Amino acid sequence: MDISKFPWPQAAEKAIFVPSRCHAVQWDAETPPEIFLTQQAVMGGHASDETYTFNPTGLFIGLQGQLTGALPFDDAQIAGYYYNGEVHSKTADVDGDGKQEIIYPKQNGRIMVIKRA
């Protein structure tokens, strides 16, 4: 799979985006599994003296390597906060409907719950 062909956004000034937080998720019993892959901004270290905002994208990739969807979102690295990468995303049935959701902690301290429509 050549992820360079996928629609990754360009990094913000003073940042690079690196692939991060990869999950296999099967949304329901009738749908084939997908891979969910996101980006994380790296601002030159674990702690920042400034707050940086950026717009990463989560990608949904079929098991044959084809792009099946993209989810752009807003995020930020907050000044004075130490980022060590120990907060991981998970898949779970959050709302009890029998379908998986992705629980995704963002760098700005907020959490996204991603449900496939």
C-alpha atoms as a PDB file:
ATOM      1  CA  MET A   1       0.000   0.000   0.000  1.00  0.00           C
ATOM      2  CA  ASP A   2       1.426   3.368  -1.025  1.00  0.00           C
ATOM      3  CA  ILE A   3       0.014   5.897   1.460  1.00  0.00           C
ATOM      4  CA  SER A   4       1.726   8.745  -0.410  1.00  0.00           C
ATOM      5  CA  LYS A   5      -1.155   8.507  -2.930  1.00  0.00           C
ATOM      6  CA  PHE A   6      -3.745   9.267  -0.271  1.00  0.00           C
ATOM      7  CA  PRO A   7      -5.025  12.827   0.415  1.00  0.00           C
ATOM      8  CA  TRP A   8      -2.813  13.748   3.375  1.00  0.00           C
ATOM      9  CA  PRO A   9      -2.929  17.505   4.033  1.00  0.00           C
ATOM     10  CA  GLN A  10       0.251  19.522   4.180  1.00  0.00           C
ATOM     11  CA  ALA A  11       1.636  20.196   7.625  1.00  0.00           C
ATOM     12  CA  ALA A  12       1.318  23.537   9.334  1.00  0.00           C
ATOM     13  CA  GLU A  13       4.301  25.814   9.595  1.00  0.00           C
ATOM     14  CA  LYS A  14       6.887  24.455  12.091  1.00  0.00           C
ATOM     15  CA  ALA A  15       5.235  21.014  12.038  1.00  0.00           C
ATOM     16  CA  ILE A  16       5.367  17.708  10.299  1.00  0.00           C
ATOM     17  CA  PHE A  17       2.542  15.203  10.086  1.00  0.00           C
ATOM     18  CA  VAL A  18       3.341  11.575  10.763  1.00  0.00           C
ATOM     19  CA  PRO A  19       0.983   8.604  10.381  1.00  0.00           C
ATOM     20  CA  SER A  20      -0.323   7.668  13.812  1.00  0.00           C
ATOM     21  CA  ARG A  21      -3.066   5.664  15.488  1.00  0.00           C
ATOM     22  CA  CYS A  22      -3.970   2.838  13.181  1.00  0.00           C
ATOM     23  CA  HIS A  23      -6.932   0.538  13.824  1.00  0.00           C
ATOM     24  CA  ALA A  24      -8.731  -2.252  12.063  1.00  0.00           C
ATOM     25  CA  VAL A  25     -12.438  -1.689  12.592  1.00  0.00           C
ATOM     26  CA  GLN A  26     -15.418  -3.743  11.512  1.00  0.00           C
ATOM     27  CA  TRP A  27     -18.349  -1.366  11.737  1.00  0.00           C
ATOM     28  CA  ASP A  28     -20.946  -4.154  11.721  1.00  0.00           C
ATOM     29  CA  ALA A  29     -21.284  -7.852  10.850  1.00  0.00           C
ATOM     30  CA  GLU A  30     -22.291  -7.173   7.229  1.00  0.00           C
ATOM     31  CA  THR A  31     -19.487  -4.753   6.340  1.00  0.00           C
ATOM     32  CA  PRO A  32     -15.907  -5.823   5.593  1.00  0.00           C
ATOM     33  CA  PRO A  33     -13.286  -4.446   7.994  1.00  0.00           C
ATOM     34  CA  GLU A  34     -11.452  -1.218   7.224  1.00  0.00           C
ATOM     35  CA  ILE A  35      -8.218   0.278   8.450  1.00  0.00           C
ATOM     36  CA  PHE A  36      -8.468   3.685  10.118  1.00  0.00           C
ATOM     37  CA  LEU A  37      -5.219   5.656   9.944  1.00  0.00           C
ATOM     38  CA  THR A  38      -4.697   9.207  11.171  1.00  0.00           C
ATOM     39  CA  GLN A  39      -1.962  11.775  11.346  1.00  0.00           C
ATOM     40  CA  GLN A  40      -0.400  13.463  14.327  1.00  0.00           C
ATOM     41  CA  ALA A  41       1.428  16.764  14.215  1.00  0.00           C
ATOM     42  CA  VAL A  42       4.972  16.852  15.550  1.00  0.00           C
ATOM     43  CA  MET A  43       6.104  20.313  16.594  1.00  0.00           C
ATOM     44  CA  GLY A  44       9.773  19.689  17.293  1.00  0.00           C
ATOM     45  CA  GLY A  45       9.465  17.910  20.624  1.00  0.00           C
ATOM     46  CA  HIS A  46       7.158  16.663  23.332  1.00  0.00           C
ATOM     47  CA  ALA A  47       6.442  20.094  24.790  1.00  0.00           C
ATOM     48  CA  SER A  48       5.719  23.327  22.997  1.00  0.00           C
ATOM     49  CA  ASP A  49       6.147  26.944  24.043  1.00  0.00           C
ATOM     50  CA  GLU A  50       3.319  27.988  21.717  1.00  0.00           C
ATOM     51  CA  THR A  51      -0.129  26.678  20.790  1.00  0.00           C
ATOM     52  CA  TYR A  52      -0.298  25.413  17.224  1.00  0.00           C
ATOM     53  CA  THR A  53      -3.494  24.588  15.377  1.00  0.00           C
ATOM     54  CA  PHE A  54      -3.564  22.207  12.440  1.00  0.00           C
ATOM     55  CA  ASN A  55      -5.948  20.157  10.316  1.00  0.00           C
ATOM     56  CA  PRO A  56      -5.046  16.476  10.090  1.00  0.00           C
ATOM     57  CA  THR A  57      -7.083  13.860   8.210  1.00  0.00           C
ATOM     58  CA  GLY A  58      -8.220  10.401   9.223  1.00  0.00           C
ATOM     59  CA  LEU A  59      -8.268   7.918   6.360  1.00  0.00           C
ATOM     60  CA  PHE A  60     -10.450   4.847   5.946  1.00  0.00           C
ATOM     61  CA  ILE A  61      -8.673   2.190   3.893  1.00  0.00           C
ATOM     62  CA  GLY A  62     -10.102  -1.090   2.601  1.00  0.00           C
ATOM     63  CA  LEU A  63      -8.234  -4.331   3.175  1.00  0.00           C
ATOM     64  CA  GLN A  64      -7.052  -4.281  -0.458  1.00  0.00           C
ATOM     65  CA  GLY A  65      -5.388  -0.881   0.101  1.00  0.00           C
ATOM     66  CA  GLN A  66      -8.068   1.288  -1.519  1.00  0.00           C
ATOM     67  CA  LEU A  67      -9.116   4.588   0.032  1.00  0.00           C
ATOM     68  CA  THR A  68     -12.753   4.283   1.141  1.00  0.00           C
ATOM     69  CA  GLY A  69     -13.145   7.612   2.970  1.00  0.00           C
ATOM     70  CA  ALA A  70     -11.434  10.601   4.552  1.00  0.00           C
ATOM     71  CA  LEU A  71     -12.278  12.562   7.692  1.00  0.00           C
ATOM     72  CA  PRO A  72     -10.581  15.971   8.046  1.00  0.00           C
ATOM     73  CA  PHE A  73     -10.684  17.456  11.540  1.00  0.00           C
ATOM     74  CA  ASP A  74      -9.291  20.343  13.587  1.00  0.00           C
ATOM     75  CA  ASP A  75      -6.708  19.815  16.297  1.00  0.00           C
ATOM     76  CA  ALA A  76      -4.090  21.764  18.247  1.00  0.00           C
ATOM     77  CA  GLN A  77      -0.945  21.225  20.242  1.00  0.00           C
ATOM     78  CA  ILE A  78      -1.361  23.306  23.395  1.00  0.00           C
ATOM     79  CA  ALA A  79       1.489  25.411  24.841  1.00  0.00           C
ATOM     80  CA  GLY A  80       3.044  23.917  27.953  1.00  0.00           C
ATOM     81  CA  TYR A  81       1.418  20.499  27.551  1.00  0.00           C
ATOM     82  CA  TYR A  82       3.737  17.488  27.377  1.00  0.00           C
ATOM     83  CA  TYR A  83       2.889  15.036  24.563  1.00  0.00           C
ATOM     84  CA  ASN A  84       4.213  11.550  25.128  1.00  0.00           C
ATOM     85  CA  GLY A  85       1.987   9.460  22.842  1.00  0.00           C
ATOM     86  CA  GLU A  86       0.596   7.312  25.660  1.00  0.00           C
ATOM     87  CA  VAL A  87      -3.043   8.240  25.035  1.00  0.00           C
ATOM     88  CA  HIS A  88      -4.272   5.796  22.416  1.00  0.00           C
ATOM     89  CA  SER A  89      -7.440   5.531  20.389  1.00  0.00           C
ATOM     90  CA  LYS A  90      -9.691   2.491  20.753  1.00  0.00           C
ATOM     91  CA  THR A  91     -12.600   0.789  19.031  1.00  0.00           C
ATOM     92  CA  ALA A  92     -15.710  -0.124  21.020  1.00  0.00           C
ATOM     93  CA  ASP A  93     -19.481  -0.170  20.830  1.00  0.00           C
ATOM     94  CA  VAL A  94     -19.953   3.083  22.737  1.00  0.00           C
ATOM     95  CA  ASP A  95     -23.692   3.562  22.269  1.00  0.00           C
ATOM     96  CA  GLY A  96     -24.814  -0.083  22.576  1.00  0.00           C
ATOM     97  CA  ASP A  97     -26.188  -0.407  19.030  1.00  0.00           C
ATOM     98  CA  GLY A  98     -24.034  -3.443  18.169  1.00  0.00           C
ATOM     99  CA  LYS A  99     -21.753  -1.411  15.875  1.00  0.00           C
ATOM    100  CA  GLN A 100     -18.163  -0.320  16.529  1.00  0.00           C
ATOM    101  CA  GLU A 101     -17.133   3.297  16.975  1.00  0.00           C
ATOM    102  CA  ILE A 102     -13.622   4.715  17.112  1.00  0.00           C
ATOM    103  CA  ILE A 103     -12.764   6.674  20.249  1.00  0.00           C
ATOM    104  CA  TYR A 104     -10.054   9.103  19.205  1.00  0.00           C
ATOM    105  CA  PRO A 105      -8.313  11.426  21.702  1.00  0.00           C
ATOM    106  CA  LYS A 106      -7.065  14.549  19.978  1.00  0.00           C
ATOM    107  CA  GLN A 107      -3.941  16.485  20.954  1.00  0.00           C
ATOM    108  CA  ASN A 108      -6.064  19.456  22.052  1.00  0.00           C
ATOM    109  CA  GLY A 109      -7.566  17.394  24.905  1.00  0.00           C
ATOM    110  CA  ARG A 110     -10.916  16.690  23.218  1.00  0.00           C
ATOM    111  CA  ILE A 111     -12.204  13.275  22.194  1.00  0.00           C
ATOM    112  CA  MET A 112     -13.911  12.339  18.928  1.00  0.00           C
ATOM    113  CA  VAL A 113     -16.301   9.393  18.724  1.00  0.00           C
ATOM    114  CA  ILE A 114     -16.347   8.338  15.087  1.00  0.00           C
ATOM    115  CA  LYS A 115     -19.304   6.369  13.787  1.00  0.00           C
ATOM    116  CA  ARG A 116     -19.562   5.102  10.204  1.00  0.00           C
ATOM    117  CA  ALA A 117     -22.837   6.189   8.604  1.00  0.00           C
END
